[in-house]
């Protein structure tokens, strides 16, 4: 089965929970952005509340969760940010 490697950039709550700003991950070919988010949230149930409000970027463009990833893509998970 073909595999792809992607870079996931983490911000705000995702970065706080993972204690890093970037993950390099491997997935089966034809994996969607939403599947990557599922993978990121699965080990940390406290992230579940951010699922519905997280926006996705792939290679510096906003995309929907249905976007199919390609080898070498850079994914950005962008939860709402507040503060001042």
PDB file of N, CA and C in Angstrom:
ATOM      1  N   UNK A   1       0.845  -1.186   0.000  1.00  0.00           N
ATOM      2  CA  UNK A   1       0.000   0.000   0.000  1.00  0.00           C
ATOM      3  C   UNK A   1       0.890   1.250   0.000  1.00  0.00           C
ATOM      4  N   UNK A   2       0.557   2.165  -0.868  1.00  0.00           N
ATOM      5  CA  UNK A   2       1.333   3.403  -0.966  1.00  0.00           C
ATOM      6  C   UNK A   2       1.129   4.271   0.271  1.00  0.00           C
ATOM      7  N   UNK A   3       2.205   4.922   0.704  1.00  0.00           N
ATOM      8  CA  UNK A   3       2.166   5.791   1.886  1.00  0.00           C
ATOM      9  C   UNK A   3       2.621   7.190   1.491  1.00  0.00           C
ATOM     10  N   UNK A   4       2.154   8.181   2.249  1.00  0.00           N
ATOM     11  CA  UNK A   4       2.611   9.555   2.063  1.00  0.00           C
ATOM     12  C   UNK A   4       3.149  10.077   3.386  1.00  0.00           C
ATOM     13  N   UNK A   5       4.070  11.005   3.310  1.00  0.00           N
ATOM     14  CA  UNK A   5       4.591  11.679   4.495  1.00  0.00           C
ATOM     15  C   UNK A   5       4.181  13.137   4.408  1.00  0.00           C
ATOM     16  N   UNK A   6       3.608  13.649   5.496  1.00  0.00           N
ATOM     17  CA  UNK A   6       3.168  15.042   5.540  1.00  0.00           C
ATOM     18  C   UNK A   6       3.731  15.710   6.789  1.00  0.00           C
ATOM     19  N   UNK A   7       3.809  17.023   6.736  1.00  0.00           N
ATOM     20  CA  UNK A   7       4.209  17.828   7.884  1.00  0.00           C
ATOM     21  C   UNK A   7       2.966  18.511   8.419  1.00  0.00           C
ATOM     22  N   UNK A   8       2.723  18.401   9.716  1.00  0.00           N
ATOM     23  CA  UNK A   8       1.578  19.047  10.344  1.00  0.00           C
ATOM     24  C   UNK A   8       2.110  20.136  11.264  1.00  0.00           C
ATOM     25  N   UNK A   9       1.734  21.383  10.973  1.00  0.00           N
ATOM     26  CA  UNK A   9       2.115  22.522  11.807  1.00  0.00           C
ATOM     27  C   UNK A   9       1.016  22.719  12.844  1.00  0.00           C
ATOM     28  N   UNK A  10       1.411  22.828  14.095  1.00  0.00           N
ATOM     29  CA  UNK A  10       0.463  22.956  15.199  1.00  0.00           C
ATOM     30  C   UNK A  10       0.509  24.362  15.784  1.00  0.00           C
ATOM     31  N   UNK A  11      -0.665  24.894  16.106  1.00  0.00           N
ATOM     32  CA  UNK A  11      -0.763  26.216  16.710  1.00  0.00           C
ATOM     33  C   UNK A  11      -1.683  26.157  17.919  1.00  0.00           C
ATOM     34  N   UNK A  12      -1.561  27.158  18.777  1.00  0.00           N
ATOM     35  CA  UNK A  12      -2.445  27.368  19.924  1.00  0.00           C
ATOM     36  C   UNK A  12      -2.601  26.082  20.741  1.00  0.00           C
ATOM     37  N   UNK A  13      -3.841  25.644  20.968  1.00  0.00           N
ATOM     38  CA  UNK A  13      -4.097  24.512  21.855  1.00  0.00           C
ATOM     39  C   UNK A  13      -3.415  23.229  21.378  1.00  0.00           C
ATOM     40  N   UNK A  14      -3.341  23.020  20.065  1.00  0.00           N
ATOM     41  CA  UNK A  14      -2.679  21.810  19.557  1.00  0.00           C
ATOM     42  C   UNK A  14      -1.193  21.816  19.920  1.00  0.00           C
ATOM     43  N   UNK A  15      -0.577  22.964  19.781  1.00  0.00           N
ATOM     44  CA  UNK A  15       0.844  23.090  20.124  1.00  0.00           C
ATOM     45  C   UNK A  15       1.052  22.914  21.628  1.00  0.00           C
ATOM     46  N   UNK A  16       0.138  23.463  22.420  1.00  0.00           N
ATOM     47  CA  UNK A  16       0.251  23.323  23.876  1.00  0.00           C
ATOM     48  C   UNK A  16       0.160  21.855  24.295  1.00  0.00           C
ATOM     49  N   UNK A  17      -0.791  21.135  23.737  1.00  0.00           N
ATOM     50  CA  UNK A  17      -1.000  19.736  24.117  1.00  0.00           C
ATOM     51  C   UNK A  17       0.155  18.851  23.645  1.00  0.00           C
ATOM     52  N   UNK A  18       0.595  19.035  22.413  1.00  0.00           N
ATOM     53  CA  UNK A  18       1.658  18.200  21.856  1.00  0.00           C
ATOM     54  C   UNK A  18       3.057  18.652  22.264  1.00  0.00           C
ATOM     55  N   UNK A  19       3.165  19.858  22.816  1.00  0.00           N
ATOM     56  CA  UNK A  19       4.463  20.388  23.249  1.00  0.00           C
ATOM     57  C   UNK A  19       5.476  20.455  22.108  1.00  0.00           C
ATOM     58  N   UNK A  20       4.975  20.725  20.916  1.00  0.00           N
ATOM     59  CA  UNK A  20       5.831  20.905  19.745  1.00  0.00           C
ATOM     60  C   UNK A  20       5.046  21.710  18.720  1.00  0.00           C
ATOM     61  N   UNK A  21       5.744  22.318  17.791  1.00  0.00           N
ATOM     62  CA  UNK A  21       5.069  23.120  16.771  1.00  0.00           C
ATOM     63  C   UNK A  21       4.908  22.372  15.452  1.00  0.00           C
ATOM     64  N   UNK A  22       5.480  21.171  15.368  1.00  0.00           N
ATOM     65  CA  UNK A  22       5.448  20.463  14.089  1.00  0.00           C
ATOM     66  C   UNK A  22       5.545  18.962  14.290  1.00  0.00           C
ATOM     67  N   UNK A  23       4.771  18.221  13.508  1.00  0.00           N
ATOM     68  CA  UNK A  23       4.834  16.763  13.496  1.00  0.00           C
ATOM     69  C   UNK A  23       5.057  16.295  12.063  1.00  0.00           C
ATOM     70  N   UNK A  24       5.904  15.314  11.876  1.00  0.00           N
ATOM     71  CA  UNK A  24       6.081  14.673  10.576  1.00  0.00           C
ATOM     72  C   UNK A  24       5.428  13.300  10.683  1.00  0.00           C
ATOM     73  N   UNK A  25       4.387  13.085   9.879  1.00  0.00           N
ATOM     74  CA  UNK A  25       3.577  11.880  10.015  1.00  0.00           C
ATOM     75  C   UNK A  25       3.447  11.146   8.690  1.00  0.00           C
ATOM     76  N   UNK A  26       3.206   9.852   8.783  1.00  0.00           N
ATOM     77  CA  UNK A  26       3.006   9.019   7.600  1.00  0.00           C
ATOM     78  C   UNK A  26       1.587   8.463   7.619  1.00  0.00           C
ATOM     79  N   UNK A  27       0.932   8.516   6.452  1.00  0.00           N
ATOM     80  CA  UNK A  27      -0.438   8.029   6.297  1.00  0.00           C
ATOM     81  C   UNK A  27      -0.554   7.245   4.996  1.00  0.00           C
ATOM     82  N   UNK A  28      -1.627   6.459   4.865  1.00  0.00           N
ATOM     83  CA  UNK A  28      -1.884   5.823   3.574  1.00  0.00           C
ATOM     84  C   UNK A  28      -2.164   6.887   2.510  1.00  0.00           C
ATOM     85  N   UNK A  29      -1.839   6.588   1.263  1.00  0.00           N
ATOM     86  CA  UNK A  29      -2.195   7.488   0.166  1.00  0.00           C
ATOM     87  C   UNK A  29      -3.707   7.717   0.199  1.00  0.00           C
ATOM     88  N   UNK A  30      -4.141   8.850  -0.286  1.00  0.00           N
ATOM     89  CA  UNK A  30      -5.558   9.232  -0.362  1.00  0.00           C
ATOM     90  C   UNK A  30      -6.154   9.561   1.002  1.00  0.00           C
ATOM     91  N   UNK A  31      -5.319   9.938   1.964  1.00  0.00           N
ATOM     92  CA  UNK A  31      -5.794  10.367   3.276  1.00  0.00           C
ATOM     93  C   UNK A  31      -6.285  11.807   3.174  1.00  0.00           C
ATOM     94  N   UNK A  32      -7.399  12.103   3.853  1.00  0.00           N
ATOM     95  CA  UNK A  32      -7.951  13.462   3.849  1.00  0.00           C
ATOM     96  C   UNK A  32      -7.406  14.273   5.023  1.00  0.00           C
ATOM     97  N   UNK A  33      -7.578  15.581   4.920  1.00  0.00           N
ATOM     98  CA  UNK A  33      -7.187  16.470   6.013  1.00  0.00           C
ATOM     99  C   UNK A  33      -7.984  16.120   7.271  1.00  0.00           C
ATOM    100  N   UNK A  34      -9.268  15.820   7.124  1.00  0.00           N
ATOM    101  CA  UNK A  34     -10.100  15.458   8.278  1.00  0.00           C
ATOM    102  C   UNK A  34      -9.566  14.209   8.975  1.00  0.00           C
ATOM    103  N   UNK A  35      -9.047  13.256   8.212  1.00  0.00           N
ATOM    104  CA  UNK A  35      -8.476  12.044   8.810  1.00  0.00           C
ATOM    105  C   UNK A  35      -7.230  12.374   9.626  1.00  0.00           C
ATOM    106  N   UNK A  36      -6.456  13.349   9.166  1.00  0.00           N
ATOM    107  CA  UNK A  36      -5.282  13.785   9.931  1.00  0.00           C
ATOM    108  C   UNK A  36      -5.739  14.421  11.242  1.00  0.00           C
ATOM    109  N   UNK A  37      -6.772  15.257  11.182  1.00  0.00           N
ATOM    110  CA  UNK A  37      -7.296  15.862  12.407  1.00  0.00           C
ATOM    111  C   UNK A  37      -7.770  14.773  13.367  1.00  0.00           C
ATOM    112  N   UNK A  38      -8.464  13.765  12.867  1.00  0.00           N
ATOM    113  CA  UNK A  38      -8.895  12.642  13.718  1.00  0.00           C
ATOM    114  C   UNK A  38      -7.696  11.996  14.407  1.00  0.00           C
ATOM    115  N   UNK A  39      -6.626  11.792  13.658  1.00  0.00           N
ATOM    116  CA  UNK A  39      -5.407  11.185  14.192  1.00  0.00           C
ATOM    117  C   UNK A  39      -4.807  12.057  15.296  1.00  0.00           C
ATOM    118  N   UNK A  40      -4.809  13.363  15.083  1.00  0.00           N
ATOM    119  CA  UNK A  40      -4.232  14.306  16.049  1.00  0.00           C
ATOM    120  C   UNK A  40      -5.063  14.344  17.332  1.00  0.00           C
ATOM    121  N   UNK A  41      -6.382  14.313  17.196  1.00  0.00           N
ATOM    122  CA  UNK A  41      -7.274  14.423  18.355  1.00  0.00           C
ATOM    123  C   UNK A  41      -7.359  13.114  19.149  1.00  0.00           C
ATOM    124  N   UNK A  42      -7.286  11.975  18.485  1.00  0.00           N
ATOM    125  CA  UNK A  42      -7.539  10.671  19.120  1.00  0.00           C
ATOM    126  C   UNK A  42      -6.822  10.450  20.454  1.00  0.00           C
ATOM    127  N   UNK A  43      -5.517  10.719  20.583  1.00  0.00           N
ATOM    128  CA  UNK A  43      -4.861  10.432  21.864  1.00  0.00           C
ATOM    129  C   UNK A  43      -5.113  11.486  22.948  1.00  0.00           C
ATOM    130  N   UNK A  44      -5.761  12.587  22.589  1.00  0.00           N
ATOM    131  CA  UNK A  44      -5.977  13.686  23.538  1.00  0.00           C
ATOM    132  C   UNK A  44      -7.440  14.116  23.512  1.00  0.00           C
ATOM    133  N   UNK A  45      -8.304  13.450  24.285  1.00  0.00           N
ATOM    134  CA  UNK A  45      -9.738  13.759  24.267  1.00  0.00           C
ATOM    135  C   UNK A  45     -10.056  15.230  24.550  1.00  0.00           C
ATOM    136  N   UNK A  46      -9.184  15.930  25.266  1.00  0.00           N
ATOM    137  CA  UNK A  46      -9.448  17.339  25.555  1.00  0.00           C
ATOM    138  C   UNK A  46      -9.436  18.197  24.288  1.00  0.00           C
ATOM    139  N   UNK A  47      -8.902  17.673  23.199  1.00  0.00           N
ATOM    140  CA  UNK A  47      -8.897  18.412  21.933  1.00  0.00           C
ATOM    141  C   UNK A  47     -10.214  18.272  21.172  1.00  0.00           C
ATOM    142  N   UNK A  48     -11.054  17.341  21.569  1.00  0.00           N
ATOM    143  CA  UNK A  48     -12.311  17.087  20.852  1.00  0.00           C
ATOM    144  C   UNK A  48     -13.162  18.355  20.716  1.00  0.00           C
ATOM    145  N   UNK A  49     -13.173  19.199  21.714  1.00  0.00           N
ATOM    146  CA  UNK A  49     -14.001  20.417  21.663  1.00  0.00           C
ATOM    147  C   UNK A  49     -13.573  21.372  20.558  1.00  0.00           C
ATOM    148  N   UNK A  50     -12.375  21.208  20.038  1.00  0.00           N
ATOM    149  CA  UNK A  50     -11.868  22.096  18.989  1.00  0.00           C
ATOM    150  C   UNK A  50     -12.115  21.549  17.584  1.00  0.00           C
ATOM    151  N   UNK A  51     -12.607  20.323  17.481  1.00  0.00           N
ATOM    152  CA  UNK A  51     -12.792  19.684  16.168  1.00  0.00           C
ATOM    153  C   UNK A  51     -13.633  20.542  15.214  1.00  0.00           C
ATOM    154  N   UNK A  52     -14.791  20.977  15.660  1.00  0.00           N
ATOM    155  CA  UNK A  52     -15.715  21.688  14.777  1.00  0.00           C
ATOM    156  C   UNK A  52     -15.329  23.109  14.431  1.00  0.00           C
ATOM    157  N   UNK A  53     -14.348  23.661  15.123  1.00  0.00           N
ATOM    158  CA  UNK A  53     -13.976  25.065  14.882  1.00  0.00           C
ATOM    159  C   UNK A  53     -12.559  25.222  14.338  1.00  0.00           C
ATOM    160  N   UNK A  54     -11.897  24.124  14.070  1.00  0.00           N
ATOM    161  CA  UNK A  54     -10.542  24.176  13.520  1.00  0.00           C
ATOM    162  C   UNK A  54     -10.611  24.346  12.010  1.00  0.00           C
ATOM    163  N   UNK A  55      -9.843  25.297  11.501  1.00  0.00           N
ATOM    164  CA  UNK A  55      -9.722  25.480  10.049  1.00  0.00           C
ATOM    165  C   UNK A  55      -8.459  24.769   9.589  1.00  0.00           C
ATOM    166  N   UNK A  56      -8.438  24.448   8.302  1.00  0.00           N
ATOM    167  CA  UNK A  56      -7.323  23.695   7.733  1.00  0.00           C
ATOM    168  C   UNK A  56      -6.643  24.488   6.632  1.00  0.00           C
ATOM    169  N   UNK A  57      -5.337  24.404   6.614  1.00  0.00           N
ATOM    170  CA  UNK A  57      -4.573  24.930   5.500  1.00  0.00           C
ATOM    171  C   UNK A  57      -3.668  23.835   4.970  1.00  0.00           C
ATOM    172  N   UNK A  58      -3.530  23.785   3.652  1.00  0.00           N
ATOM    173  CA  UNK A  58      -2.591  22.861   3.019  1.00  0.00           C
ATOM    174  C   UNK A  58      -1.767  23.670   2.030  1.00  0.00           C
ATOM    175  N   UNK A  59      -0.465  23.653   2.240  1.00  0.00           N
ATOM    176  CA  UNK A  59       0.456  24.379   1.360  1.00  0.00           C
ATOM    177  C   UNK A  59       0.040  25.841   1.200  1.00  0.00           C
ATOM    178  N   UNK A  60      -0.264  26.480   2.341  1.00  0.00           N
ATOM    179  CA  UNK A  60      -0.580  27.913   2.431  1.00  0.00           C
ATOM    180  C   UNK A  60      -1.918  28.301   1.812  1.00  0.00           C
ATOM    181  N   UNK A  61      -2.839  27.354   1.641  1.00  0.00           N
ATOM    182  CA  UNK A  61      -4.184  27.658   1.148  1.00  0.00           C
ATOM    183  C   UNK A  61      -5.206  27.006   2.061  1.00  0.00           C
ATOM    184  N   UNK A  62      -6.270  27.769   2.409  1.00  0.00           N
ATOM    185  CA  UNK A  62      -7.343  27.185   3.198  1.00  0.00           C
ATOM    186  C   UNK A  62      -8.057  26.129   2.363  1.00  0.00           C
ATOM    187  N   UNK A  63      -8.386  25.008   3.005  1.00  0.00           N
ATOM    188  CA  UNK A  63      -9.051  23.896   2.320  1.00  0.00           C
ATOM    189  C   UNK A  63     -10.128  23.318   3.233  1.00  0.00           C
ATOM    190  N   UNK A  64     -10.994  22.485   2.660  1.00  0.00           N
ATOM    191  CA  UNK A  64     -11.995  21.777   3.457  1.00  0.00           C
ATOM    192  C   UNK A  64     -11.381  20.487   3.994  1.00  0.00           C
ATOM    193  N   UNK A  65     -12.082  19.878   4.926  1.00  0.00           N
ATOM    194  CA  UNK A  65     -11.615  18.624   5.503  1.00  0.00           C
ATOM    195  C   UNK A  65     -11.576  17.474   4.520  1.00  0.00           C
ATOM    196  N   UNK A  66     -12.275  17.612   3.406  1.00  0.00           N
ATOM    197  CA  UNK A  66     -12.318  16.548   2.402  1.00  0.00           C
ATOM    198  C   UNK A  66     -11.087  16.534   1.505  1.00  0.00           C
ATOM    199  N   UNK A  67     -10.265  17.570   1.591  1.00  0.00           N
ATOM    200  CA  UNK A  67      -9.075  17.673   0.735  1.00  0.00           C
ATOM    201  C   UNK A  67      -8.207  16.427   0.908  1.00  0.00           C
ATOM    202  N   UNK A  68      -7.861  15.782  -0.208  1.00  0.00           N
ATOM    203  CA  UNK A  68      -6.990  14.603  -0.193  1.00  0.00           C
ATOM    204  C   UNK A  68      -5.538  15.071  -0.253  1.00  0.00           C
ATOM    205  N   UNK A  69      -4.741  14.535   0.629  1.00  0.00           N
ATOM    206  CA  UNK A  69      -3.348  14.960   0.750  1.00  0.00           C
ATOM    207  C   UNK A  69      -2.436  14.222  -0.213  1.00  0.00           C
ATOM    208  N   UNK A  70      -1.337  14.886  -0.531  1.00  0.00           N
ATOM    209  CA  UNK A  70      -0.306  14.296  -1.379  1.00  0.00           C
ATOM    210  C   UNK A  70       1.000  14.238  -0.605  1.00  0.00           C
ATOM    211  N   UNK A  71       1.894  13.381  -1.033  1.00  0.00           N
ATOM    212  CA  UNK A  71       3.184  13.248  -0.375  1.00  0.00           C
ATOM    213  C   UNK A  71       3.883  14.607  -0.313  1.00  0.00           C
ATOM    214  N   UNK A  72       4.391  14.952   0.874  1.00  0.00           N
ATOM    215  CA  UNK A  72       5.130  16.190   1.049  1.00  0.00           C
ATOM    216  C   UNK A  72       4.288  17.395   1.413  1.00  0.00           C
ATOM    217  N   UNK A  73       2.960  17.247   1.481  1.00  0.00           N
ATOM    218  CA  UNK A  73       2.102  18.381   1.825  1.00  0.00           C
ATOM    219  C   UNK A  73       2.404  18.890   3.229  1.00  0.00           C
ATOM    220  N   UNK A  74       2.162  20.188   3.414  1.00  0.00           N
ATOM    221  CA  UNK A  74       2.270  20.820   4.727  1.00  0.00           C
ATOM    222  C   UNK A  74       0.867  21.217   5.161  1.00  0.00           C
ATOM    223  N   UNK A  75       0.420  20.658   6.277  1.00  0.00           N
ATOM    224  CA  UNK A  75      -0.915  20.905   6.803  1.00  0.00           C
ATOM    225  C   UNK A  75      -0.791  21.822   8.005  1.00  0.00           C
ATOM    226  N   UNK A  76      -1.703  22.788   8.083  1.00  0.00           N
ATOM    227  CA  UNK A  76      -1.756  23.682   9.228  1.00  0.00           C
ATOM    228  C   UNK A  76      -3.122  23.507   9.876  1.00  0.00           C
ATOM    229  N   UNK A  77      -3.148  23.246  11.175  1.00  0.00           N
ATOM    230  CA  UNK A  77      -4.388  23.167  11.936  1.00  0.00           C
ATOM    231  C   UNK A  77      -4.534  24.477  12.695  1.00  0.00           C
ATOM    232  N   UNK A  78      -5.627  25.207  12.415  1.00  0.00           N
ATOM    233  CA  UNK A  78      -5.792  26.549  12.962  1.00  0.00           C
ATOM    234  C   UNK A  78      -7.062  26.608  13.807  1.00  0.00           C
ATOM    235  N   UNK A  79      -6.921  26.466  15.127  1.00  0.00           N
ATOM    236  CA  UNK A  79      -8.082  26.636  15.999  1.00  0.00           C
ATOM    237  C   UNK A  79      -8.341  28.129  16.189  1.00  0.00           C
ATOM    238  N   UNK A  80      -9.528  28.498  16.695  1.00  0.00           N
ATOM    239  CA  UNK A  80      -9.770  29.915  16.964  1.00  0.00           C
ATOM    240  C   UNK A  80      -8.757  30.422  17.986  1.00  0.00           C
ATOM    241  N   UNK A  81      -8.329  31.631  17.795  1.00  0.00           N
ATOM    242  CA  UNK A  81      -7.361  32.235  18.704  1.00  0.00           C
ATOM    243  C   UNK A  81      -8.002  33.473  19.300  1.00  0.00           C
ATOM    244  N   UNK A  82      -7.875  33.632  20.613  1.00  0.00           N
ATOM    245  CA  UNK A  82      -8.394  34.834  21.258  1.00  0.00           C
ATOM    246  C   UNK A  82      -7.298  35.434  22.106  1.00  0.00           C
ATOM    247  N   UNK A  83      -7.546  36.607  22.546  1.00  0.00           N
ATOM    248  CA  UNK A  83      -6.556  37.273  23.387  1.00  0.00           C
ATOM    249  C   UNK A  83      -6.351  38.685  22.912  1.00  0.00           C
ATOM    250  N   UNK A  84      -5.485  39.379  23.608  1.00  0.00           N
ATOM    251  CA  UNK A  84      -5.308  40.757  23.190  1.00  0.00           C
ATOM    252  C   UNK A  84      -4.071  41.357  23.734  1.00  0.00           C
TER     253      UNK A  84
END
